[in-house]
Amino acid sequence: MRFTRINRSNIPRHDTTKRFRLRVTDIHMPEINGLDLLAAMNERRVSMPVIMITGQGNAQLAVAAMLQGAFDFFHKPFKADILLSSICRALMCEDESKNEFSSA
């Protein structure tokens, strides 16, 4: 697991994400918000599951994140086992989709 501070200048690009399989990010960050990060990742064709968390969200924010492709969305506080379960599901889904493409 690695923690990185994200800002507009270091949003991952498609070819640099092979070492990361998943991103867990907060909606409210000092230099960029999570929805903007998700939009930029989509724009740059970064294909990885993204799990969004927030302590200041509402249903509209959750829907917006999911419509932009977030794998899951959690309101703080949440139990660690719930997040870990979501991480496992996201990685299993990613593995399944890669296997589908490789066998086609």
Protein backbone atom coordinates (compact mmCIF):
# COMPACT_ATOMS: atom_id res chain seq x y z
CA MET A 1 0.00 0.00 0.00
CA ARG A 2 1.27 3.45 -0.85
CA PHE A 3 -0.06 6.87 0.05
CA THR A 4 0.54 9.74 -2.32
CA ARG A 5 -0.51 13.36 -2.30
CA ILE A 6 -2.37 14.12 -5.50
CA ASN A 7 -2.52 17.47 -7.23
CA ARG A 8 -3.31 18.51 -10.77
CA SER A 9 0.29 18.04 -11.94
CA ASN A 10 0.71 14.43 -10.81
CA ILE A 11 -2.57 12.79 -11.81
CA PRO A 12 -1.57 9.37 -13.12
CA ARG A 13 -1.35 8.78 -16.84
CA HIS A 14 -2.36 5.57 -18.61
CA ASP A 15 1.17 4.25 -19.11
CA THR A 16 2.30 4.90 -15.53
CA THR A 17 -0.50 3.07 -13.72
CA LYS A 18 0.66 -0.50 -14.28
CA ARG A 19 2.20 -0.62 -10.84
CA PHE A 20 -1.09 0.40 -9.19
CA ARG A 21 -4.24 -1.68 -9.40
CA LEU A 22 -6.64 0.44 -7.36
CA ARG A 23 -7.04 3.93 -5.93
CA VAL A 24 -8.83 4.87 -2.72
CA THR A 25 -9.31 8.61 -2.53
CA ASP A 26 -11.15 11.19 -0.50
CA ILE A 27 -13.57 13.57 -2.17
CA HIS A 28 -12.26 16.62 -0.32
CA MET A 29 -8.50 17.07 -0.71
CA PRO A 30 -6.41 20.23 -0.42
CA GLU A 31 -5.37 20.62 -4.06
CA ILE A 32 -7.98 18.72 -6.11
CA ASN A 33 -11.33 17.23 -5.32
CA GLY A 34 -12.02 13.55 -5.86
CA LEU A 35 -14.57 14.09 -8.63
CA ASP A 36 -12.06 16.19 -10.59
CA LEU A 37 -9.45 13.48 -10.04
CA LEU A 38 -11.85 10.83 -11.31
CA ALA A 39 -12.73 12.95 -14.36
CA ALA A 40 -9.03 13.52 -15.13
CA MET A 41 -8.30 9.81 -14.79
CA ASN A 42 -11.14 9.06 -17.21
CA GLU A 43 -9.85 11.70 -19.62
CA ARG A 44 -6.38 10.14 -19.52
CA ARG A 45 -7.82 6.65 -19.90
CA VAL A 46 -6.50 5.44 -16.57
CA SER A 47 -8.29 2.15 -16.12
CA MET A 48 -8.38 1.11 -12.49
CA PRO A 49 -11.09 0.83 -9.85
CA VAL A 50 -11.53 3.96 -7.74
CA ILE A 51 -13.12 3.88 -4.30
CA MET A 52 -14.25 7.27 -3.03
CA ILE A 53 -14.59 8.24 0.63
CA THR A 54 -15.91 11.39 2.28
CA GLY A 55 -16.96 12.78 5.59
CA GLN A 56 -18.96 15.62 4.06
CA GLY A 57 -20.94 13.95 1.32
CA ASN A 58 -24.53 13.48 0.40
CA ALA A 59 -26.50 11.24 -1.94
CA GLN A 60 -26.00 13.58 -4.91
CA LEU A 61 -22.23 13.44 -4.47
CA ALA A 62 -22.31 9.65 -4.27
CA VAL A 63 -24.43 9.43 -7.42
CA ALA A 64 -22.09 11.84 -9.25
CA ALA A 65 -19.07 9.74 -8.29
CA MET A 66 -20.70 6.50 -9.37
CA LEU A 67 -21.83 8.03 -12.69
CA GLN A 68 -18.22 9.05 -13.34
CA GLY A 69 -17.13 5.46 -12.79
CA ALA A 70 -16.26 5.14 -9.11
CA PHE A 71 -16.36 1.51 -8.07
CA ASP A 72 -17.69 2.32 -4.59
CA PHE A 73 -18.42 5.26 -2.33
CA PHE A 74 -18.25 5.41 1.48
CA HIS A 75 -19.28 8.01 4.01
CA LYS A 76 -16.97 8.41 7.02
CA PRO A 77 -16.86 6.93 9.51
CA PHE A 78 -16.98 3.41 8.11
CA LYS A 79 -15.68 0.07 9.34
CA ALA A 80 -12.33 -1.05 7.97
CA ASP A 81 -13.68 -4.49 7.04
CA ILE A 82 -16.30 -2.85 4.79
CA LEU A 83 -13.57 -0.95 2.93
CA LEU A 84 -11.38 -4.07 2.70
CA SER A 85 -14.31 -6.03 1.30
CA SER A 86 -14.85 -3.36 -1.35
CA ILE A 87 -11.14 -3.40 -2.23
CA CYS A 88 -11.24 -7.19 -2.65
CA ARG A 89 -14.37 -7.00 -4.84
CA ALA A 90 -12.81 -4.25 -6.98
CA LEU A 91 -9.62 -6.25 -7.53
CA MET A 92 -11.58 -9.43 -8.33
CA CYS A 93 -13.71 -7.52 -10.86
CA GLU A 94 -10.58 -6.06 -12.42
CA ASP A 95 -9.01 -9.53 -12.69
CA GLU A 96 -12.19 -10.95 -14.24
CA SER A 97 -12.39 -8.18 -16.84
CA LYS A 98 -8.72 -8.64 -17.78
CA ASN A 99 -9.29 -12.39 -18.16
CA GLU A 100 -12.30 -11.75 -20.41
CA PHE A 101 -10.24 -9.50 -22.69
CA SER A 102 -7.24 -11.83 -22.79
CA SER A 103 -9.34 -14.87 -23.74
CA ALA A 104 -11.25 -13.05 -26.50
